[in-house]
Amino acid sequence: MPRMLAYSVLALFVALLMGSLATLVRRETRHGKFHRQHVAANNGMNPRVYCNMMMQQRGMTNIKCKPSNTFIHGEATAVDAICNDGGTYSSDNFYDSNSVFELTVCRLTGGGTTPPNCNYRGRVSTQQIRIACVNGLPVHFQQAL
């Protein structure tokens, strides 16, 4: 009987350890969150439809409606390069892109502020951008320039 208890405790410990490791592996990095929230292809759809679809798909309407978000339409490598040779140092940890990007800015309209009543309007522009970088990778969208 004591041997069975020892195996049970060991099995429980291994299960908890594996669950903790799985949680650590799934944890989103700041760089990963930046890409999820800001880097996306533009398929040419109506900006309102695009914003409503992307804000939901990218998890920005799960708990509450994020008031605004900017999607950068470009290759992920080009966006990442802003923190290195594709950008110019601005201040603190902010870098300005050397090139312009197509952007879609999504803003919550006057409707509901809690899911599922998130409704966005969108505006498309082409501008340089300013992002915050940590360890040579983008982690925060600051503004369009």
Foldseek 3Di string as FASTA:
>chain_A
DVVVVVVVVVVVVVVVVVVVVVVVVPDADLLRLCCLQAEDADPPDALQVVQLVSCVVSVCQPFWHDFKGKHWHDDQVLQLCQQPPQWDDDDDQKTKGPAKTKMKMWGFDPWDTHPPTTGIHIDIDIFIFMFGDDPSGGRGGDGGD
